[in-house]
C-alpha atoms as a PDB file:
ATOM      1  CA  UNK A   1     143.016 144.127 -77.185  1.00  0.00           C
ATOM      2  CA  UNK A   2     139.831 146.088 -77.418  1.00  0.00           C
ATOM      3  CA  UNK A   3     137.953 146.996 -74.285  1.00  0.00           C
ATOM      4  CA  UNK A   4     134.841 145.437 -73.547  1.00  0.00           C
ATOM      5  CA  UNK A   5     133.675 148.369 -71.381  1.00  0.00           C
ATOM      6  CA  UNK A   6     130.476 149.829 -73.070  1.00  0.00           C
ATOM      7  CA  UNK A   7     131.214 153.549 -74.493  1.00  0.00           C
ATOM      8  CA  UNK A   8     128.538 155.478 -73.242  1.00  0.00           C
ATOM      9  CA  UNK A   9     126.774 158.660 -75.166  1.00  0.00           C
ATOM     10  CA  UNK A  10     123.584 160.788 -73.835  1.00  0.00           C
ATOM     11  CA  UNK A  11     121.617 163.189 -75.592  1.00  0.00           C
ATOM     12  CA  UNK A  12     119.306 165.370 -74.502  1.00  0.00           C
ATOM     13  CA  UNK A  13     115.857 164.798 -75.014  1.00  0.00           C
ATOM     14  CA  UNK A  14     112.579 166.584 -74.770  1.00  0.00           C
ATOM     15  CA  UNK A  15     110.635 164.339 -72.254  1.00  0.00           C
ATOM     16  CA  UNK A  16     107.832 166.509 -70.189  1.00  0.00           C
ATOM     17  CA  UNK A  17     105.711 168.789 -72.723  1.00  0.00           C
ATOM     18  CA  UNK A  18     105.063 172.316 -71.449  1.00  0.00           C
ATOM     19  CA  UNK A  19     101.470 171.534 -70.370  1.00  0.00           C
ATOM     20  CA  UNK A  20     102.648 168.751 -68.226  1.00  0.00           C
ATOM     21  CA  UNK A  21     105.119 171.078 -66.516  1.00  0.00           C
ATOM     22  CA  UNK A  22     102.480 173.468 -65.738  1.00  0.00           C
ATOM     23  CA  UNK A  23     100.484 171.181 -64.522  1.00  0.00           C
ATOM     24  CA  UNK A  24     103.010 169.848 -62.224  1.00  0.00           C
ATOM     25  CA  UNK A  25     103.793 173.153 -60.848  1.00  0.00           C
ATOM     26  CA  UNK A  26     100.043 173.970 -60.806  1.00  0.00           C
ATOM     27  CA  UNK A  27      99.279 171.248 -58.601  1.00  0.00           C
ATOM     28  CA  UNK A  28     102.237 171.410 -56.041  1.00  0.00           C
ATOM     29  CA  UNK A  29     101.238 175.383 -55.866  1.00  0.00           C
ATOM     30  CA  UNK A  30      97.521 174.431 -55.021  1.00  0.00           C
ATOM     31  CA  UNK A  31      98.419 171.444 -52.264  1.00  0.00           C
ATOM     32  CA  UNK A  32     100.395 173.915 -50.640  1.00  0.00           C
ATOM     33  CA  UNK A  33      97.558 176.728 -50.538  1.00  0.00           C
ATOM     34  CA  UNK A  34      95.034 173.986 -49.743  1.00  0.00           C
ATOM     35  CA  UNK A  35      97.199 172.507 -46.884  1.00  0.00           C
ATOM     36  CA  UNK A  36      98.054 175.741 -45.186  1.00  0.00           C
ATOM     37  CA  UNK A  37      94.816 177.203 -45.453  1.00  0.00           C
ATOM     38  CA  UNK A  38      93.127 173.834 -44.586  1.00  0.00           C
ATOM     39  CA  UNK A  39      94.833 173.366 -41.484  1.00  0.00           C
ATOM     40  CA  UNK A  40      93.737 177.303 -40.316  1.00  0.00           C
ATOM     41  CA  UNK A  41      89.900 176.372 -41.476  1.00  0.00           C
ATOM     42  CA  UNK A  42      90.308 173.305 -39.211  1.00  0.00           C
ATOM     43  CA  UNK A  43      91.816 174.699 -36.358  1.00  0.00           C
ATOM     44  CA  UNK A  44      91.610 178.652 -36.278  1.00  0.00           C
ATOM     45  CA  UNK A  45      93.787 180.738 -34.221  1.00  0.00           C
ATOM     46  CA  UNK A  46      92.626 182.836 -31.651  1.00  0.00           C
ATOM     47  CA  UNK A  47      93.930 186.448 -32.679  1.00  0.00           C
ATOM     48  CA  UNK A  48      93.419 188.946 -30.210  1.00  0.00           C
ATOM     49  CA  UNK A  49      93.144 192.239 -31.424  1.00  0.00           C
ATOM     50  CA  UNK A  50      91.583 195.706 -30.207  1.00  0.00           C
ATOM     51  CA  UNK A  51      89.548 195.771 -33.736  1.00  0.00           C
ATOM     52  CA  UNK A  52      86.027 194.948 -33.715  1.00  0.00           C
ATOM     53  CA  UNK A  53      85.248 191.356 -35.508  1.00  0.00           C
ATOM     54  CA  UNK A  54      83.202 193.445 -37.842  1.00  0.00           C
ATOM     55  CA  UNK A  55      86.007 195.232 -38.809  1.00  0.00           C
ATOM     56  CA  UNK A  56      88.079 192.155 -39.655  1.00  0.00           C
ATOM     57  CA  UNK A  57      87.712 189.469 -42.216  1.00  0.00           C
ATOM     58  CA  UNK A  58      90.895 187.300 -42.178  1.00  0.00           C
ATOM     59  CA  UNK A  59      89.148 184.172 -41.650  1.00  0.00           C
ATOM     60  CA  UNK A  60      86.638 184.838 -44.206  1.00  0.00           C
ATOM     61  CA  UNK A  61      89.532 185.502 -46.708  1.00  0.00           C
ATOM     62  CA  UNK A  62      91.434 182.285 -45.464  1.00  0.00           C
ATOM     63  CA  UNK A  63      88.397 180.434 -46.762  1.00  0.00           C
ATOM     64  CA  UNK A  64      87.898 182.271 -49.972  1.00  0.00           C
ATOM     65  CA  UNK A  65      91.661 181.497 -51.065  1.00  0.00           C
ATOM     66  CA  UNK A  66      90.946 177.509 -49.753  1.00  0.00           C
ATOM     67  CA  UNK A  67      87.958 177.595 -52.183  1.00  0.00           C
ATOM     68  CA  UNK A  68      89.172 179.206 -54.949  1.00  0.00           C
ATOM     69  CA  UNK A  69      92.331 177.408 -54.810  1.00  0.00           C
ATOM     70  CA  UNK A  70      90.167 174.294 -54.936  1.00  0.00           C
ATOM     71  CA  UNK A  71      88.543 175.440 -57.862  1.00  0.00           C
ATOM     72  CA  UNK A  72      91.780 175.738 -60.029  1.00  0.00           C
ATOM     73  CA  UNK A  73      93.198 172.327 -58.437  1.00  0.00           C
ATOM     74  CA  UNK A  74      90.089 170.670 -59.854  1.00  0.00           C
ATOM     75  CA  UNK A  75      90.569 172.573 -63.509  1.00  0.00           C
ATOM     76  CA  UNK A  76      94.070 171.616 -63.554  1.00  0.00           C
ATOM     77  CA  UNK A  77      93.152 167.704 -63.007  1.00  0.00           C
ATOM     78  CA  UNK A  78      90.530 167.721 -65.708  1.00  0.00           C
ATOM     79  CA  UNK A  79      93.227 169.366 -67.748  1.00  0.00           C
ATOM     80  CA  UNK A  80      95.923 166.660 -67.141  1.00  0.00           C
ATOM     81  CA  UNK A  81      93.159 163.920 -67.525  1.00  0.00           C
ATOM     82  CA  UNK A  82      92.650 165.420 -71.162  1.00  0.00           C
ATOM     83  CA  UNK A  83      96.505 165.629 -71.557  1.00  0.00           C
ATOM     84  CA  UNK A  84      96.969 161.657 -70.720  1.00  0.00           C
ATOM     85  CA  UNK A  85      95.076 161.267 -74.306  1.00  0.00           C
ATOM     86  CA  UNK A  86      96.618 163.811 -76.138  1.00  0.00           C
ATOM     87  CA  UNK A  87     100.337 164.018 -75.190  1.00  0.00           C
ATOM     88  CA  UNK A  88     103.546 162.447 -75.898  1.00  0.00           C
ATOM     89  CA  UNK A  89     104.401 158.734 -74.702  1.00  0.00           C
ATOM     90  CA  UNK A  90     105.969 159.957 -71.307  1.00  0.00           C
ATOM     91  CA  UNK A  91     102.451 161.839 -70.339  1.00  0.00           C
ATOM     92  CA  UNK A  92      99.949 159.310 -71.847  1.00  0.00           C
ATOM     93  CA  UNK A  93      97.986 157.439 -69.070  1.00  0.00           C
ATOM     94  CA  UNK A  94      99.180 154.226 -70.308  1.00  0.00           C
ATOM     95  CA  UNK A  95     102.938 155.093 -68.991  1.00  0.00           C
ATOM     96  CA  UNK A  96     101.449 155.423 -65.270  1.00  0.00           C
ATOM     97  CA  UNK A  97      99.954 151.844 -64.954  1.00  0.00           C
ATOM     98  CA  UNK A  98     102.696 148.457 -65.012  1.00  0.00           C
ATOM     99  CA  UNK A  99     100.386 146.852 -67.711  1.00  0.00           C
ATOM    100  CA  UNK A 100     103.332 145.047 -68.834  1.00  0.00           C
ATOM    101  CA  UNK A 101     105.732 142.359 -67.750  1.00  0.00           C
ATOM    102  CA  UNK A 102     108.755 144.545 -67.988  1.00  0.00           C
ATOM    103  CA  UNK A 103     107.059 147.545 -65.918  1.00  0.00           C
ATOM    104  CA  UNK A 104     106.533 144.722 -63.192  1.00  0.00           C
ATOM    105  CA  UNK A 105     110.123 143.859 -63.016  1.00  0.00           C
ATOM    106  CA  UNK A 106     111.034 147.410 -62.908  1.00  0.00           C
ATOM    107  CA  UNK A 107     108.916 147.777 -59.883  1.00  0.00           C
ATOM    108  CA  UNK A 108     111.122 145.347 -58.090  1.00  0.00           C
ATOM    109  CA  UNK A 109     113.930 146.885 -59.422  1.00  0.00           C
ATOM    110  CA  UNK A 110     113.188 150.248 -58.276  1.00  0.00           C
ATOM    111  CA  UNK A 111     112.255 149.359 -55.041  1.00  0.00           C
ATOM    112  CA  UNK A 112     115.833 147.651 -54.636  1.00  0.00           C
ATOM    113  CA  UNK A 113     117.318 151.367 -55.658  1.00  0.00           C
ATOM    114  CA  UNK A 114     114.910 153.341 -53.637  1.00  0.00           C
ATOM    115  CA  UNK A 115     114.498 151.435 -50.471  1.00  0.00           C
ATOM    116  CA  UNK A 116     117.848 149.254 -50.331  1.00  0.00           C
ATOM    117  CA  UNK A 117     119.751 152.512 -51.854  1.00  0.00           C
ATOM    118  CA  UNK A 118     121.851 149.981 -54.333  1.00  0.00           C
ATOM    119  CA  UNK A 119     123.189 150.898 -57.341  1.00  0.00           C
ATOM    120  CA  UNK A 120     123.396 148.263 -60.103  1.00  0.00           C
ATOM    121  CA  UNK A 121     124.354 147.213 -63.694  1.00  0.00           C
ATOM    122  CA  UNK A 122     121.190 149.034 -64.903  1.00  0.00           C
ATOM    123  CA  UNK A 123     121.981 152.244 -63.312  1.00  0.00           C
ATOM    124  CA  UNK A 124     125.658 152.239 -64.328  1.00  0.00           C
ATOM    125  CA  UNK A 125     124.956 151.637 -67.707  1.00  0.00           C
ATOM    126  CA  UNK A 126     122.196 154.148 -67.930  1.00  0.00           C
ATOM    127  CA  UNK A 127     119.510 151.936 -68.961  1.00  0.00           C
ATOM    128  CA  UNK A 128     116.711 153.132 -66.852  1.00  0.00           C
ATOM    129  CA  UNK A 129     113.344 154.763 -67.311  1.00  0.00           C
ATOM    130  CA  UNK A 130     113.031 157.818 -69.385  1.00  0.00           C
ATOM    131  CA  UNK A 131     109.854 158.978 -68.192  1.00  0.00           C
ATOM    132  CA  UNK A 132     108.295 157.547 -65.082  1.00  0.00           C
ATOM    133  CA  UNK A 133     109.545 154.450 -63.726  1.00  0.00           C
ATOM    134  CA  UNK A 134     106.950 151.702 -62.861  1.00  0.00           C
ATOM    135  CA  UNK A 135     106.619 152.652 -59.200  1.00  0.00           C
ATOM    136  CA  UNK A 136     106.534 156.594 -59.832  1.00  0.00           C
ATOM    137  CA  UNK A 137     103.780 156.004 -62.576  1.00  0.00           C
ATOM    138  CA  UNK A 138     101.720 153.999 -60.033  1.00  0.00           C
ATOM    139  CA  UNK A 139     102.094 156.322 -57.078  1.00  0.00           C
ATOM    140  CA  UNK A 140     100.816 158.830 -59.308  1.00  0.00           C
ATOM    141  CA  UNK A 141      97.726 156.822 -59.890  1.00  0.00           C
ATOM    142  CA  UNK A 142      97.586 156.575 -56.166  1.00  0.00           C
ATOM    143  CA  UNK A 143      97.979 160.307 -55.841  1.00  0.00           C
ATOM    144  CA  UNK A 144      95.140 160.880 -58.395  1.00  0.00           C
ATOM    145  CA  UNK A 145      92.884 158.681 -56.397  1.00  0.00           C
ATOM    146  CA  UNK A 146      93.716 161.115 -53.009  1.00  0.00           C
ATOM    147  CA  UNK A 147      92.871 163.947 -55.071  1.00  0.00           C
ATOM    148  CA  UNK A 148      89.812 162.727 -56.472  1.00  0.00           C
ATOM    149  CA  UNK A 149      88.558 161.828 -52.707  1.00  0.00           C
ATOM    150  CA  UNK A 150      89.793 165.283 -51.736  1.00  0.00           C
ATOM    151  CA  UNK A 151      87.888 166.965 -54.387  1.00  0.00           C
ATOM    152  CA  UNK A 152      84.856 165.173 -53.393  1.00  0.00           C
ATOM    153  CA  UNK A 153      84.999 165.514 -49.778  1.00  0.00           C
ATOM    154  CA  UNK A 154      86.165 169.434 -50.180  1.00  0.00           C
ATOM    155  CA  UNK A 155      83.321 170.167 -52.393  1.00  0.00           C
ATOM    156  CA  UNK A 156      80.845 168.038 -50.593  1.00  0.00           C
ATOM    157  CA  UNK A 157      81.651 170.094 -47.353  1.00  0.00           C
ATOM    158  CA  UNK A 158      81.057 173.309 -49.426  1.00  0.00           C
ATOM    159  CA  UNK A 159      78.211 172.426 -51.163  1.00  0.00           C
ATOM    160  CA  UNK A 160      75.734 173.822 -48.449  1.00  0.00           C
ATOM    161  CA  UNK A 161      77.101 177.259 -48.616  1.00  0.00           C
ATOM    162  CA  UNK A 162      77.652 177.731 -51.900  1.00  0.00           C
ATOM    163  CA  UNK A 163      75.457 178.752 -55.068  1.00  0.00           C
ATOM    164  CA  UNK A 164      77.756 177.372 -57.842  1.00  0.00           C
ATOM    165  CA  UNK A 165      76.510 174.381 -59.538  1.00  0.00           C
ATOM    166  CA  UNK A 166      80.005 172.734 -59.442  1.00  0.00           C
ATOM    167  CA  UNK A 167      79.724 172.385 -55.470  1.00  0.00           C
ATOM    168  CA  UNK A 168      76.093 171.077 -56.184  1.00  0.00           C
ATOM    169  CA  UNK A 169      77.458 168.135 -58.026  1.00  0.00           C
ATOM    170  CA  UNK A 170      78.973 166.915 -55.066  1.00  0.00           C
ATOM    171  CA  UNK A 171      75.910 167.429 -52.678  1.00  0.00           C
ATOM    172  CA  UNK A 172      75.822 163.261 -52.260  1.00  0.00           C
ATOM    173  CA  UNK A 173      78.998 163.381 -50.292  1.00  0.00           C
ATOM    174  CA  UNK A 174      77.668 163.943 -46.579  1.00  0.00           C
ATOM    175  CA  UNK A 175      74.916 161.823 -46.916  1.00  0.00           C
ATOM    176  CA  UNK A 176      76.972 159.125 -48.111  1.00  0.00           C
ATOM    177  CA  UNK A 177      79.000 159.073 -45.318  1.00  0.00           C
ATOM    178  CA  UNK A 178      76.205 159.854 -42.905  1.00  0.00           C
ATOM    179  CA  UNK A 179      77.334 163.065 -41.347  1.00  0.00           C
ATOM    180  CA  UNK A 180      79.777 166.255 -42.359  1.00  0.00           C
ATOM    181  CA  UNK A 181      81.926 165.184 -39.362  1.00  0.00           C
ATOM    182  CA  UNK A 182      83.286 161.995 -40.990  1.00  0.00           C
ATOM    183  CA  UNK A 183      83.443 163.635 -44.293  1.00  0.00           C
ATOM    184  CA  UNK A 184      85.839 166.200 -42.730  1.00  0.00           C
ATOM    185  CA  UNK A 185      87.717 163.368 -40.907  1.00  0.00           C
ATOM    186  CA  UNK A 186      88.208 161.851 -44.230  1.00  0.00           C
ATOM    187  CA  UNK A 187      89.185 165.070 -45.732  1.00  0.00           C
ATOM    188  CA  UNK A 188      91.850 166.050 -42.910  1.00  0.00           C
ATOM    189  CA  UNK A 189      93.341 162.525 -43.123  1.00  0.00           C
ATOM    190  CA  UNK A 190      93.827 162.444 -46.951  1.00  0.00           C
ATOM    191  CA  UNK A 191      95.560 165.740 -46.761  1.00  0.00           C
ATOM    192  CA  UNK A 192      98.196 164.105 -44.219  1.00  0.00           C
ATOM    193  CA  UNK A 193      98.450 161.417 -46.632  1.00  0.00           C
ATOM    194  CA  UNK A 194      99.196 164.250 -49.557  1.00  0.00           C
ATOM    195  CA  UNK A 195     101.589 165.655 -47.561  1.00  0.00           C
ATOM    196  CA  UNK A 196     103.332 162.143 -46.788  1.00  0.00           C
ATOM    197  CA  UNK A 197     103.380 161.618 -50.804  1.00  0.00           C
ATOM    198  CA  UNK A 198     104.908 165.109 -51.442  1.00  0.00           C
ATOM    199  CA  UNK A 199     107.980 164.696 -48.483  1.00  0.00           C
ATOM    200  CA  UNK A 200     108.958 161.263 -50.172  1.00  0.00           C
ATOM    201  CA  UNK A 201     108.540 162.681 -53.856  1.00  0.00           C
ATOM    202  CA  UNK A 202     110.769 165.456 -53.322  1.00  0.00           C
ATOM    203  CA  UNK A 203     113.148 163.368 -51.354  1.00  0.00           C
ATOM    204  CA  UNK A 204     113.172 160.769 -54.428  1.00  0.00           C
ATOM    205  CA  UNK A 205     113.404 163.412 -57.203  1.00  0.00           C
ATOM    206  CA  UNK A 206     116.858 164.782 -55.544  1.00  0.00           C
ATOM    207  CA  UNK A 207     118.003 161.221 -54.842  1.00  0.00           C
ATOM    208  CA  UNK A 208     117.315 159.946 -58.144  1.00  0.00           C
ATOM    209  CA  UNK A 209     118.874 163.514 -59.576  1.00  0.00           C
ATOM    210  CA  UNK A 210     122.010 162.577 -57.736  1.00  0.00           C
ATOM    211  CA  UNK A 211     122.428 158.629 -58.376  1.00  0.00           C
ATOM    212  CA  UNK A 212     121.629 159.128 -62.320  1.00  0.00           C
ATOM    213  CA  UNK A 213     122.463 162.524 -63.219  1.00  0.00           C
ATOM    214  CA  UNK A 214     120.280 163.030 -66.134  1.00  0.00           C
ATOM    215  CA  UNK A 215     118.904 166.145 -64.595  1.00  0.00           C
ATOM    216  CA  UNK A 216     116.102 165.062 -62.820  1.00  0.00           C
ATOM    217  CA  UNK A 217     115.405 168.128 -61.118  1.00  0.00           C
ATOM    218  CA  UNK A 218     116.082 170.584 -64.295  1.00  0.00           C
ATOM    219  CA  UNK A 219     113.775 168.293 -66.617  1.00  0.00           C
ATOM    220  CA  UNK A 220     110.757 169.651 -64.897  1.00  0.00           C
ATOM    221  CA  UNK A 221     111.751 173.155 -65.649  1.00  0.00           C
ATOM    222  CA  UNK A 222     112.982 172.517 -69.319  1.00  0.00           C
ATOM    223  CA  UNK A 223     111.606 169.068 -70.197  1.00  0.00           C
ATOM    224  CA  UNK A 224     114.810 167.869 -71.173  1.00  0.00           C
ATOM    225  CA  UNK A 225     116.475 164.791 -69.970  1.00  0.00           C
ATOM    226  CA  UNK A 226     119.961 163.133 -70.542  1.00  0.00           C
ATOM    227  CA  UNK A 227     119.023 160.098 -72.294  1.00  0.00           C
ATOM    228  CA  UNK A 228     121.594 156.988 -73.086  1.00  0.00           C
ATOM    229  CA  UNK A 229     121.522 157.171 -77.304  1.00  0.00           C
ATOM    230  CA  UNK A 230     120.865 153.276 -77.095  1.00  0.00           C
ATOM    231  CA  UNK A 231     117.581 154.144 -75.537  1.00  0.00           C
ATOM    232  CA  UNK A 232     116.440 157.289 -77.988  1.00  0.00           C
ATOM    233  CA  UNK A 233     113.548 156.373 -80.141  1.00  0.00           C
ATOM    234  CA  UNK A 234     112.350 157.925 -83.723  1.00  0.00           C
ATOM    235  CA  UNK A 235     109.473 159.456 -82.098  1.00  0.00           C
ATOM    236  CA  UNK A 236     111.465 161.037 -79.330  1.00  0.00           C
ATOM    237  CA  UNK A 237     112.546 164.832 -79.876  1.00  0.00           C
ATOM    238  CA  UNK A 238     116.444 165.979 -79.029  1.00  0.00           C
ATOM    239  CA  UNK A 239     117.717 169.151 -78.482  1.00  0.00           C
ATOM    240  CA  UNK A 240     117.871 172.033 -80.964  1.00  0.00           C
ATOM    241  CA  UNK A 241     114.530 170.244 -82.534  1.00  0.00           C
ATOM    242  CA  UNK A 242     111.137 171.625 -82.262  1.00  0.00           C
ATOM    243  CA  UNK A 243     109.172 169.486 -79.780  1.00  0.00           C
ATOM    244  CA  UNK A 244     105.948 168.275 -81.684  1.00  0.00           C
ATOM    245  CA  UNK A 245     102.696 169.930 -80.322  1.00  0.00           C
ATOM    246  CA  UNK A 246     101.195 166.169 -80.576  1.00  0.00           C
ATOM    247  CA  UNK A 247     102.253 162.499 -81.624  1.00  0.00           C
ATOM    248  CA  UNK A 248     100.705 159.926 -83.153  1.00  0.00           C
ATOM    249  CA  UNK A 249      99.825 156.887 -81.101  1.00  0.00           C
ATOM    250  CA  UNK A 250     101.948 158.108 -78.264  1.00  0.00           C
ATOM    251  CA  UNK A 251     101.183 154.987 -76.469  1.00  0.00           C
ATOM    252  CA  UNK A 252     103.004 152.654 -78.904  1.00  0.00           C
ATOM    253  CA  UNK A 253     106.094 151.284 -77.202  1.00  0.00           C
ATOM    254  CA  UNK A 254     109.084 149.878 -79.205  1.00  0.00           C
ATOM    255  CA  UNK A 255     109.200 146.300 -78.424  1.00  0.00           C
ATOM    256  CA  UNK A 256     112.931 145.972 -78.835  1.00  0.00           C
ATOM    257  CA  UNK A 257     115.088 145.433 -76.044  1.00  0.00           C
ATOM    258  CA  UNK A 258     118.603 147.448 -75.902  1.00  0.00           C
ATOM    259  CA  UNK A 259     121.225 145.114 -75.865  1.00  0.00           C
ATOM    260  CA  UNK A 260     122.384 146.634 -72.845  1.00  0.00           C
ATOM    261  CA  UNK A 261     119.272 145.507 -70.523  1.00  0.00           C
ATOM    262  CA  UNK A 262     119.488 141.985 -72.395  1.00  0.00           C
ATOM    263  CA  UNK A 263     122.213 141.095 -69.998  1.00  0.00           C
END
């Protein structure tokens, strides 16, 4: 009697392009540095020293690191927006928005897995998102909006003491909110929201790496994930092939549903 069990075959597929991985780790480093230096700036410790204040410049150095990192963070954001239009289908801006009924159904499915810690038929068969799932994609949109708030409020606070034109672009921020105190409060509050996001993000990345076993963590270093053969599309790049610099129409999705998903 023939077995009815599905024979699962996986191949390594190039999902995260090199620019995406660079943006990811640059943002991770920038958020860490900005948060650490920001807390020092918000509440500088009283350091007792026999050295005259004129002989020290540690606080000025902290502020310099904070502002320099802010420029790097802004630059990475601009480049990531550019890559959302020229990158492959996993990096494209459409992959972050739940624009289809399938994506909306995937949100319920992912919440069931992440919150109730369940494992269903979809995960057992490997029929799960190759790139970002719908919840992850939507959460990155929220993170991007939080980053925009941080950029606006941060450069708005920096503008009165900066002679560079970039900060001058945000001279409207403090007048909009009425005082620098309000702007500082928003900047500080959003910092905590981003820290909370990072904690949840790191937890879920390791959780899904354990649950799905497809190289979730290592993919952000190598770019490759293990993908069920039935879900590989013609435009996907397999291990051993040369990843394309750019794909034509990266947002076009194959509307065919794998047989395993139909049940």
